[in-house]
Amino acid sequence: MTPAPSKQREMEQEAQSSQSSEAAAKAVLLEECEEQFGLLQKLQNEIILADTEANDDQSNEAVNRLIAVTSELEQWQEMEPKLLTTSPEVLLAVGKEELQRLNNQLKMVLSCSQAKLDAQKKILKREQTWQAEKKEALNAVCEKITRLQHENEKSEHSVLQDMKRKINNLKDYHGSLMEMLSDMLAEHFPLPDPHGNGTKKKRAAAYDAEINLISLSEIIERLTNKTLETPHDPYVTTDDTFWPPYTEMLLRNGIATRHPEDCNKIRLENFFGI
């Protein structure tokens, strides 16, 4: 058996020989490229020299040269390109280097594509979460609308009846309050009686018996109706039917107020900012 160190030396020698062969192949390829480049430079110099020596009068030669260049171009286009070298070592080294360069470029493209894909996945996940939340909110709203519509269809008639009942109760309560107010005013604030008890002087100063006085309740009702019906002109003109003591009592107690320019007009005090 061959010892292990000898195998390792052989492998190292093979790697060194492979590297030296690749280096030699690259050197050969570079030499051929330099030769071709030198040839192209020589041709370019000849063309430049020929152009500088040409005169404007030699138009025929220029046309002939153009025809020749065109035909040569067609020949070059029809000609199949030849490799600079056919050495397997050179072609292997160049191909390996080109594949490595292409592999690095593809790795960079893959990395960029992977980063873009990850970003798009995050955006997609965020959009799906937002869509799920919106669907949940939409379903909740639709369910609530359906429930409210169902409840309204069931309770519309009952709500209407309940409102009618409340309105009737309010009207009855308002009527009872007005009756109680009228009874109270009639009891505590009656119209003066010329045939009642009292001195002759007081009865004479009270009012003229031929005038039909209106009660305090009616006075307040007229003031209230006037204020509600024509709030822009809430004043009521007092006449002989208004008993002066009741009018004065309303004014002194802040229930009514006089017109600032006409003392014969009064209005209900603005209790609620009407």
C-alpha atoms as a PDB file:
ATOM      1  CA  MET A   1       0.000   0.000   0.000  1.00  0.00           C
ATOM      2  CA  THR A   2       0.989   3.573  -0.764  1.00  0.00           C
ATOM      3  CA  PRO A   3       1.125   5.747   2.364  1.00  0.00           C
ATOM      4  CA  ALA A   4      -1.359   8.590   2.798  1.00  0.00           C
ATOM      5  CA  PRO A   5       1.225  11.432   2.571  1.00  0.00           C
ATOM      6  CA  SER A   6       2.220  10.321  -0.933  1.00  0.00           C
ATOM      7  CA  LYS A   7      -1.440  10.536  -2.088  1.00  0.00           C
ATOM      8  CA  GLN A   8      -1.744  14.016  -0.640  1.00  0.00           C
ATOM      9  CA  ARG A   9       1.450  15.077  -2.463  1.00  0.00           C
ATOM     10  CA  GLU A  10       0.077  13.694  -5.702  1.00  0.00           C
ATOM     11  CA  MET A  11      -3.199  15.622  -5.248  1.00  0.00           C
ATOM     12  CA  GLU A  12      -1.314  18.823  -4.512  1.00  0.00           C
ATOM     13  CA  GLN A  13       0.874  18.283  -7.598  1.00  0.00           C
ATOM     14  CA  GLU A  14      -2.217  17.717  -9.747  1.00  0.00           C
ATOM     15  CA  ALA A  15      -3.872  20.923  -8.390  1.00  0.00           C
ATOM     16  CA  GLN A  16      -0.667  22.894  -9.040  1.00  0.00           C
ATOM     17  CA  SER A  17      -0.362  21.489 -12.554  1.00  0.00           C
ATOM     18  CA  SER A  18      -4.059  22.316 -13.204  1.00  0.00           C
ATOM     19  CA  GLN A  19      -3.575  25.886 -11.999  1.00  0.00           C
ATOM     20  CA  SER A  20      -0.395  26.265 -14.072  1.00  0.00           C
ATOM     21  CA  SER A  21      -2.190  24.898 -17.155  1.00  0.00           C
ATOM     22  CA  GLU A  22      -5.067  27.336 -16.666  1.00  0.00           C
ATOM     23  CA  ALA A  23      -2.628  30.221 -16.257  1.00  0.00           C
ATOM     24  CA  ALA A  24      -0.771  29.134 -19.396  1.00  0.00           C
ATOM     25  CA  ALA A  25      -4.055  28.877 -21.293  1.00  0.00           C
ATOM     26  CA  LYS A  26      -5.061  32.393 -20.228  1.00  0.00           C
ATOM     27  CA  ALA A  27      -1.641  33.689 -21.271  1.00  0.00           C
ATOM     28  CA  VAL A  28      -1.975  32.087 -24.713  1.00  0.00           C
ATOM     29  CA  LEU A  29      -5.446  33.567 -25.143  1.00  0.00           C
ATOM     30  CA  LEU A  30      -4.217  37.014 -24.132  1.00  0.00           C
ATOM     31  CA  GLU A  31      -1.364  36.799 -26.636  1.00  0.00           C
ATOM     32  CA  GLU A  32      -3.789  35.917 -29.431  1.00  0.00           C
ATOM     33  CA  CYS A  33      -6.098  38.769 -28.417  1.00  0.00           C
ATOM     34  CA  GLU A  34      -3.157  41.194 -28.461  1.00  0.00           C
ATOM     35  CA  GLU A  35      -2.174  39.975 -31.946  1.00  0.00           C
ATOM     36  CA  GLN A  36      -5.691  40.511 -33.242  1.00  0.00           C
ATOM     37  CA  PHE A  37      -5.881  43.912 -31.581  1.00  0.00           C
ATOM     38  CA  GLY A  38      -2.567  44.895 -33.167  1.00  0.00           C
ATOM     39  CA  LEU A  39      -3.883  43.817 -36.575  1.00  0.00           C
ATOM     40  CA  LEU A  40      -7.060  45.881 -36.123  1.00  0.00           C
ATOM     41  CA  GLN A  41      -5.027  48.892 -35.046  1.00  0.00           C
ATOM     42  CA  LYS A  42      -2.783  48.524 -38.119  1.00  0.00           C
ATOM     43  CA  LEU A  43      -5.794  48.399 -40.422  1.00  0.00           C
ATOM     44  CA  GLN A  44      -7.326  51.409 -38.727  1.00  0.00           C
ATOM     45  CA  ASN A  45      -4.100  53.390 -39.177  1.00  0.00           C
ATOM     46  CA  GLU A  46      -4.010  52.489 -42.876  1.00  0.00           C
ATOM     47  CA  ILE A  47      -7.606  53.639 -43.288  1.00  0.00           C
ATOM     48  CA  ILE A  48      -6.883  56.946 -41.525  1.00  0.00           C
ATOM     49  CA  LEU A  49      -3.735  57.461 -43.639  1.00  0.00           C
ATOM     50  CA  ALA A  50      -5.643  56.709 -46.828  1.00  0.00           C
ATOM     51  CA  ASP A  51      -8.359  59.184 -45.872  1.00  0.00           C
ATOM     52  CA  THR A  52      -5.852  61.959 -45.193  1.00  0.00           C
ATOM     53  CA  GLU A  53      -4.106  61.423 -48.567  1.00  0.00           C
ATOM     54  CA  ALA A  54      -7.366  61.417 -50.548  1.00  0.00           C
ATOM     55  CA  ASN A  55      -8.415  64.596 -52.388  1.00  0.00           C
ATOM     56  CA  ASP A  56     -11.858  66.001 -52.993  1.00  0.00           C
ATOM     57  CA  ASP A  57     -11.498  65.567 -56.736  1.00  0.00           C
ATOM     58  CA  GLN A  58     -11.054  61.797 -56.497  1.00  0.00           C
ATOM     59  CA  SER A  59     -14.756  61.083 -56.188  1.00  0.00           C
ATOM     60  CA  ASN A  60     -14.538  58.025 -58.438  1.00  0.00           C
ATOM     61  CA  GLU A  61     -11.913  56.429 -56.213  1.00  0.00           C
ATOM     62  CA  ALA A  62     -14.101  57.120 -53.174  1.00  0.00           C
ATOM     63  CA  VAL A  63     -17.031  55.444 -54.883  1.00  0.00           C
ATOM     64  CA  ASN A  64     -14.880  52.474 -55.843  1.00  0.00           C
ATOM     65  CA  ARG A  65     -13.545  52.244 -52.289  1.00  0.00           C
ATOM     66  CA  LEU A  66     -17.118  52.339 -50.942  1.00  0.00           C
ATOM     67  CA  ILE A  67     -18.120  49.538 -53.277  1.00  0.00           C
ATOM     68  CA  ALA A  68     -15.100  47.509 -52.235  1.00  0.00           C
ATOM     69  CA  VAL A  69     -15.772  48.067 -48.541  1.00  0.00           C
ATOM     70  CA  THR A  70     -19.429  47.103 -49.033  1.00  0.00           C
ATOM     71  CA  SER A  71     -18.521  43.873 -50.792  1.00  0.00           C
ATOM     72  CA  GLU A  72     -15.942  43.094 -48.136  1.00  0.00           C
ATOM     73  CA  LEU A  73     -18.583  43.727 -45.463  1.00  0.00           C
ATOM     74  CA  GLU A  74     -20.945  41.314 -47.160  1.00  0.00           C
ATOM     75  CA  GLN A  75     -18.178  38.711 -47.264  1.00  0.00           C
ATOM     76  CA  TRP A  76     -17.487  39.174 -43.561  1.00  0.00           C
ATOM     77  CA  GLN A  77     -21.214  38.839 -42.813  1.00  0.00           C
ATOM     78  CA  GLU A  78     -21.433  35.591 -44.758  1.00  0.00           C
ATOM     79  CA  MET A  79     -18.256  34.242 -43.193  1.00  0.00           C
ATOM     80  CA  GLU A  80     -18.628  32.119 -40.076  1.00  0.00           C
ATOM     81  CA  PRO A  81     -16.542  33.371 -37.147  1.00  0.00           C
ATOM     82  CA  LYS A  82     -13.575  31.286 -36.155  1.00  0.00           C
ATOM     83  CA  LEU A  83     -12.314  30.744 -32.680  1.00  0.00           C
ATOM     84  CA  LEU A  84      -9.124  32.476 -31.774  1.00  0.00           C
ATOM     85  CA  THR A  85      -7.816  29.249 -30.341  1.00  0.00           C
ATOM     86  CA  THR A  86      -8.849  25.616 -30.361  1.00  0.00           C
ATOM     87  CA  SER A  87      -6.826  24.598 -27.356  1.00  0.00           C
ATOM     88  CA  PRO A  88      -9.046  22.662 -24.903  1.00  0.00           C
ATOM     89  CA  GLU A  89      -7.173  24.052 -21.927  1.00  0.00           C
ATOM     90  CA  VAL A  90      -7.737  27.655 -23.042  1.00  0.00           C
ATOM     91  CA  LEU A  91     -11.398  27.078 -23.832  1.00  0.00           C
ATOM     92  CA  LEU A  92     -11.918  25.285 -20.502  1.00  0.00           C
ATOM     93  CA  ALA A  93     -10.296  28.092 -18.510  1.00  0.00           C
ATOM     94  CA  VAL A  94     -12.212  30.841 -20.317  1.00  0.00           C
ATOM     95  CA  GLY A  95     -15.496  28.937 -20.080  1.00  0.00           C
ATOM     96  CA  LYS A  96     -14.994  28.294 -16.361  1.00  0.00           C
ATOM     97  CA  GLU A  97     -14.306  31.982 -15.704  1.00  0.00           C
ATOM     98  CA  GLU A  98     -17.322  33.045 -17.765  1.00  0.00           C
ATOM     99  CA  LEU A  99     -19.555  30.563 -15.957  1.00  0.00           C
ATOM    100  CA  GLN A 100     -18.354  31.816 -12.589  1.00  0.00           C
ATOM    101  CA  ARG A 101     -19.087  35.417 -13.583  1.00  0.00           C
ATOM    102  CA  LEU A 102     -22.529  34.432 -14.892  1.00  0.00           C
ATOM    103  CA  ASN A 103     -23.163  32.436 -11.705  1.00  0.00           C
ATOM    104  CA  ASN A 104     -22.358  35.477  -9.546  1.00  0.00           C
ATOM    105  CA  GLN A 105     -24.685  37.671 -11.605  1.00  0.00           C
ATOM    106  CA  LEU A 106     -27.482  35.123 -11.346  1.00  0.00           C
ATOM    107  CA  LYS A 107     -26.968  34.926  -7.573  1.00  0.00           C
ATOM    108  CA  MET A 108     -27.345  38.705  -7.346  1.00  0.00           C
ATOM    109  CA  VAL A 109     -30.510  38.593  -9.462  1.00  0.00           C
ATOM    110  CA  LEU A 110     -31.868  35.773  -7.295  1.00  0.00           C
ATOM    111  CA  SER A 111     -31.139  37.732  -4.117  1.00  0.00           C
ATOM    112  CA  CYS A 112     -32.929  40.841  -5.458  1.00  0.00           C
ATOM    113  CA  SER A 113     -35.877  38.766  -6.647  1.00  0.00           C
ATOM    114  CA  GLN A 114     -36.101  37.032  -3.266  1.00  0.00           C
ATOM    115  CA  ALA A 115     -36.089  40.391  -1.451  1.00  0.00           C
ATOM    116  CA  LYS A 116     -38.837  41.714  -3.726  1.00  0.00           C
ATOM    117  CA  LEU A 117     -40.822  38.507  -3.221  1.00  0.00           C
ATOM    118  CA  ASP A 118     -40.563  38.824   0.577  1.00  0.00           C
ATOM    119  CA  ALA A 119     -41.703  42.456   0.403  1.00  0.00           C
ATOM    120  CA  GLN A 120     -44.645  41.489  -1.810  1.00  0.00           C
ATOM    121  CA  LYS A 121     -45.582  38.694   0.622  1.00  0.00           C
ATOM    122  CA  LYS A 122     -45.641  41.185   3.513  1.00  0.00           C
ATOM    123  CA  ILE A 123     -47.806  43.588   1.505  1.00  0.00           C
ATOM    124  CA  LEU A 124     -50.126  40.735   0.519  1.00  0.00           C
ATOM    125  CA  LYS A 125     -50.458  39.610   4.148  1.00  0.00           C
ATOM    126  CA  ARG A 126     -51.227  43.162   5.277  1.00  0.00           C
ATOM    127  CA  GLU A 127     -53.804  43.612   2.530  1.00  0.00           C
ATOM    128  CA  GLN A 128     -55.441  40.280   3.397  1.00  0.00           C
ATOM    129  CA  THR A 129     -55.657  41.306   7.067  1.00  0.00           C
ATOM    130  CA  TRP A 130     -57.195  44.652   6.083  1.00  0.00           C
ATOM    131  CA  GLN A 131     -59.663  42.891   3.774  1.00  0.00           C
ATOM    132  CA  ALA A 132     -60.663  40.459   6.528  1.00  0.00           C
ATOM    133  CA  GLU A 133     -61.270  43.357   8.956  1.00  0.00           C
ATOM    134  CA  LYS A 134     -63.366  45.217   6.389  1.00  0.00           C
ATOM    135  CA  LYS A 135     -65.393  42.094   5.638  1.00  0.00           C
ATOM    136  CA  GLU A 136     -66.021  41.580   9.342  1.00  0.00           C
ATOM    137  CA  ALA A 137     -67.140  45.193   9.768  1.00  0.00           C
ATOM    138  CA  LEU A 138     -69.357  44.946   6.669  1.00  0.00           C
ATOM    139  CA  ASN A 139     -70.981  41.744   7.913  1.00  0.00           C
ATOM    140  CA  ALA A 140     -71.635  43.331  11.313  1.00  0.00           C
ATOM    141  CA  VAL A 141     -73.224  46.395   9.711  1.00  0.00           C
ATOM    142  CA  CYS A 142     -75.360  44.250   7.390  1.00  0.00           C
ATOM    143  CA  GLU A 143     -76.549  42.136  10.306  1.00  0.00           C
ATOM    144  CA  LYS A 144     -77.431  45.236  12.320  1.00  0.00           C
ATOM    145  CA  ILE A 145     -79.314  46.766   9.389  1.00  0.00           C
ATOM    146  CA  THR A 146     -81.245  43.542   8.857  1.00  0.00           C
ATOM    147  CA  ARG A 147     -82.082  43.318  12.547  1.00  0.00           C
ATOM    148  CA  LEU A 148     -83.213  46.938  12.709  1.00  0.00           C
ATOM    149  CA  GLN A 149     -85.343  46.540   9.588  1.00  0.00           C
ATOM    150  CA  HIS A 150     -86.953  43.442  11.070  1.00  0.00           C
ATOM    151  CA  GLU A 151     -87.581  45.205  14.373  1.00  0.00           C
ATOM    152  CA  ASN A 152     -88.981  48.267  12.612  1.00  0.00           C
ATOM    153  CA  GLU A 153     -91.324  46.142  10.524  1.00  0.00           C
ATOM    154  CA  LYS A 154     -92.599  44.466  13.668  1.00  0.00           C
ATOM    155  CA  SER A 155     -92.795  47.499  15.920  1.00  0.00           C
ATOM    156  CA  GLU A 156     -93.873  50.185  13.447  1.00  0.00           C
ATOM    157  CA  HIS A 157     -97.528  49.745  14.230  1.00  0.00           C
ATOM    158  CA  SER A 158     -96.934  49.485  17.975  1.00  0.00           C
ATOM    159  CA  VAL A 159     -94.708  52.580  17.955  1.00  0.00           C
ATOM    160  CA  LEU A 160     -97.355  54.517  16.066  1.00  0.00           C
ATOM    161  CA  GLN A 161    -100.024  53.467  18.527  1.00  0.00           C
ATOM    162  CA  ASP A 162     -97.780  54.329  21.452  1.00  0.00           C
ATOM    163  CA  MET A 163     -97.124  57.804  20.030  1.00  0.00           C
ATOM    164  CA  LYS A 164    -100.835  58.386  19.515  1.00  0.00           C
ATOM    165  CA  ARG A 165    -101.527  57.292  23.066  1.00  0.00           C
ATOM    166  CA  LYS A 166     -98.847  59.623  24.431  1.00  0.00           C
ATOM    167  CA  ILE A 167    -100.208  62.547  22.398  1.00  0.00           C
ATOM    168  CA  ASN A 168    -103.730  61.924  23.637  1.00  0.00           C
ATOM    169  CA  ASN A 169    -102.489  61.663  27.220  1.00  0.00           C
ATOM    170  CA  LEU A 170    -100.582  64.926  26.795  1.00  0.00           C
ATOM    171  CA  LYS A 171    -103.641  66.650  25.375  1.00  0.00           C
ATOM    172  CA  ASP A 172    -105.780  65.391  28.255  1.00  0.00           C
ATOM    173  CA  TYR A 173    -103.190  66.519  30.775  1.00  0.00           C
ATOM    174  CA  HIS A 174    -102.926  69.934  29.108  1.00  0.00           C
ATOM    175  CA  GLY A 175    -106.714  70.266  29.124  1.00  0.00           C
ATOM    176  CA  SER A 176    -106.905  69.346  32.800  1.00  0.00           C
ATOM    177  CA  LEU A 177    -104.175  71.870  33.622  1.00  0.00           C
ATOM    178  CA  MET A 178    -105.992  74.590  31.726  1.00  0.00           C
ATOM    179  CA  GLU A 179    -109.245  73.748  33.511  1.00  0.00           C
ATOM    180  CA  MET A 180    -107.495  73.812  36.877  1.00  0.00           C
ATOM    181  CA  LEU A 181    -105.872  77.141  36.018  1.00  0.00           C
ATOM    182  CA  SER A 182    -109.169  78.584  34.865  1.00  0.00           C
ATOM    183  CA  ASP A 183    -110.958  77.395  38.009  1.00  0.00           C
ATOM    184  CA  MET A 184    -108.185  78.776  40.203  1.00  0.00           C
ATOM    185  CA  LEU A 185    -108.220  82.151  38.466  1.00  0.00           C
ATOM    186  CA  ALA A 186    -112.005  82.293  38.555  1.00  0.00           C
ATOM    187  CA  GLU A 187    -111.983  81.512  42.250  1.00  0.00           C
ATOM    188  CA  HIS A 188    -109.148  83.771  43.376  1.00  0.00           C
ATOM    189  CA  PHE A 189    -109.353  86.477  40.704  1.00  0.00           C
ATOM    190  CA  PRO A 190    -113.066  87.004  39.962  1.00  0.00           C
ATOM    191  CA  LEU A 191    -114.463  89.877  37.960  1.00  0.00           C
ATOM    192  CA  PRO A 192    -115.771  92.806  40.037  1.00  0.00           C
ATOM    193  CA  ASP A 193    -119.449  92.731  40.986  1.00  0.00           C
ATOM    194  CA  PRO A 194    -121.126  96.197  41.046  1.00  0.00           C
ATOM    195  CA  HIS A 195    -123.930  94.821  43.203  1.00  0.00           C
ATOM    196  CA  GLY A 196    -121.679  93.167  45.731  1.00  0.00           C
ATOM    197  CA  ASN A 197    -120.637  94.307  49.147  1.00  0.00           C
ATOM    198  CA  GLY A 198    -118.393  97.296  49.523  1.00  0.00           C
ATOM    199  CA  THR A 199    -118.569 100.994  49.732  1.00  0.00           C
ATOM    200  CA  LYS A 200    -120.212 103.022  47.069  1.00  0.00           C
ATOM    201  CA  LYS A 201    -116.941 104.754  46.256  1.00  0.00           C
ATOM    202  CA  LYS A 202    -115.110 101.466  45.611  1.00  0.00           C
ATOM    203  CA  ARG A 203    -117.908 100.120  43.433  1.00  0.00           C
ATOM    204  CA  ALA A 204    -117.952 103.320  41.373  1.00  0.00           C
ATOM    205  CA  ALA A 205    -114.194 103.185  40.890  1.00  0.00           C
ATOM    206  CA  ALA A 206    -114.256  99.544  39.849  1.00  0.00           C
ATOM    207  CA  TYR A 207    -115.701  99.670  36.319  1.00  0.00           C
ATOM    208  CA  ASP A 208    -118.622 100.699  34.240  1.00  0.00           C
ATOM    209  CA  ALA A 209    -121.381  98.086  34.506  1.00  0.00           C
ATOM    210  CA  GLU A 210    -122.244  98.373  30.816  1.00  0.00           C
ATOM    211  CA  ILE A 211    -118.768  97.172  29.733  1.00  0.00           C
ATOM    212  CA  ASN A 212    -118.289  93.384  29.423  1.00  0.00           C
ATOM    213  CA  LEU A 213    -115.002  92.748  31.135  1.00  0.00           C
ATOM    214  CA  ILE A 214    -112.968  89.663  30.280  1.00  0.00           C
ATOM    215  CA  SER A 215    -111.581  87.406  32.984  1.00  0.00           C
ATOM    216  CA  LEU A 216    -107.944  87.153  34.002  1.00  0.00           C
ATOM    217  CA  SER A 217    -107.800  83.698  32.466  1.00  0.00           C
ATOM    218  CA  GLU A 218    -108.912  85.047  29.111  1.00  0.00           C
ATOM    219  CA  ILE A 219    -106.384  87.874  29.314  1.00  0.00           C
ATOM    220  CA  ILE A 220    -103.536  85.368  29.853  1.00  0.00           C
ATOM    221  CA  GLU A 221    -104.870  83.143  27.071  1.00  0.00           C
ATOM    222  CA  ARG A 222    -104.917  86.038  24.604  1.00  0.00           C
ATOM    223  CA  LEU A 223    -101.344  86.990  25.519  1.00  0.00           C
ATOM    224  CA  THR A 224    -100.167  83.377  25.167  1.00  0.00           C
ATOM    225  CA  ASN A 225    -101.893  82.810  21.811  1.00  0.00           C
ATOM    226  CA  LYS A 226    -100.541  86.074  20.439  1.00  0.00           C
ATOM    227  CA  THR A 227     -97.002  85.165  21.463  1.00  0.00           C
ATOM    228  CA  LEU A 228     -97.223  81.699  19.867  1.00  0.00           C
ATOM    229  CA  GLU A 229     -99.057  82.700  16.698  1.00  0.00           C
ATOM    230  CA  THR A 230     -97.130  85.877  15.858  1.00  0.00           C
ATOM    231  CA  PRO A 231     -93.848  85.850  17.755  1.00  0.00           C
ATOM    232  CA  HIS A 232     -92.598  88.758  15.624  1.00  0.00           C
ATOM    233  CA  ASP A 233     -95.508  90.891  16.923  1.00  0.00           C
ATOM    234  CA  PRO A 234     -96.572  89.495  20.320  1.00  0.00           C
ATOM    235  CA  TYR A 235     -98.249  92.667  21.643  1.00  0.00           C
ATOM    236  CA  VAL A 236    -101.975  92.782  22.458  1.00  0.00           C
ATOM    237  CA  THR A 237    -103.838  96.102  22.495  1.00  0.00           C
ATOM    238  CA  THR A 238    -105.668  96.669  25.751  1.00  0.00           C
ATOM    239  CA  ASP A 239    -109.152  98.175  25.626  1.00  0.00           C
ATOM    240  CA  ASP A 240    -112.016  98.790  28.060  1.00  0.00           C
ATOM    241  CA  THR A 241    -112.639  95.027  28.384  1.00  0.00           C
ATOM    242  CA  PHE A 242    -109.309  94.652  30.203  1.00  0.00           C
ATOM    243  CA  TRP A 243    -109.883  95.429  33.887  1.00  0.00           C
ATOM    244  CA  PRO A 244    -107.033  97.821  34.849  1.00  0.00           C
ATOM    245  CA  PRO A 245    -106.247  96.215  38.232  1.00  0.00           C
ATOM    246  CA  TYR A 246    -105.613  92.839  36.584  1.00  0.00           C
ATOM    247  CA  THR A 247    -103.499  94.436  33.859  1.00  0.00           C
ATOM    248  CA  GLU A 248    -101.477  96.285  36.472  1.00  0.00           C
ATOM    249  CA  MET A 249    -101.054  93.112  38.505  1.00  0.00           C
ATOM    250  CA  LEU A 250     -99.633  91.256  35.479  1.00  0.00           C
ATOM    251  CA  LEU A 251     -97.225  94.106  34.801  1.00  0.00           C
ATOM    252  CA  ARG A 252     -96.029  94.467  38.389  1.00  0.00           C
ATOM    253  CA  ASN A 253     -95.485  90.729  38.867  1.00  0.00           C
ATOM    254  CA  GLY A 254     -93.370  90.397  35.730  1.00  0.00           C
ATOM    255  CA  ILE A 255     -95.891  88.294  33.827  1.00  0.00           C
ATOM    256  CA  ALA A 256     -96.484  90.926  31.152  1.00  0.00           C
ATOM    257  CA  THR A 257     -94.636  93.987  29.890  1.00  0.00           C
ATOM    258  CA  ARG A 258     -95.680  97.142  28.066  1.00  0.00           C
ATOM    259  CA  HIS A 259     -94.726  98.229  24.620  1.00  0.00           C
ATOM    260  CA  PRO A 260     -91.805 100.679  24.814  1.00  0.00           C
ATOM    261  CA  GLU A 261     -93.598 103.185  22.556  1.00  0.00           C
ATOM    262  CA  ASP A 262     -97.295 102.438  23.114  1.00  0.00           C
ATOM    263  CA  CYS A 263     -98.582 102.146  26.691  1.00  0.00           C
ATOM    264  CA  ASN A 264    -101.858 100.582  25.482  1.00  0.00           C
ATOM    265  CA  LYS A 265    -100.078  97.472  24.238  1.00  0.00           C
ATOM    266  CA  ILE A 266     -98.795  94.648  26.411  1.00  0.00           C
ATOM    267  CA  ARG A 267     -97.194  91.316  25.752  1.00  0.00           C
ATOM    268  CA  LEU A 268     -96.375  88.162  27.631  1.00  0.00           C
ATOM    269  CA  GLU A 269     -92.957  88.254  29.248  1.00  0.00           C
ATOM    270  CA  ASN A 270     -90.287  86.344  27.345  1.00  0.00           C
ATOM    271  CA  PHE A 271     -89.874  83.495  29.845  1.00  0.00           C
ATOM    272  CA  PHE A 272     -88.265  80.939  27.452  1.00  0.00           C
ATOM    273  CA  GLY A 273     -86.459  83.162  24.980  1.00  0.00           C
ATOM    274  CA  ILE A 274     -89.315  83.160  22.481  1.00  0.00           C
END
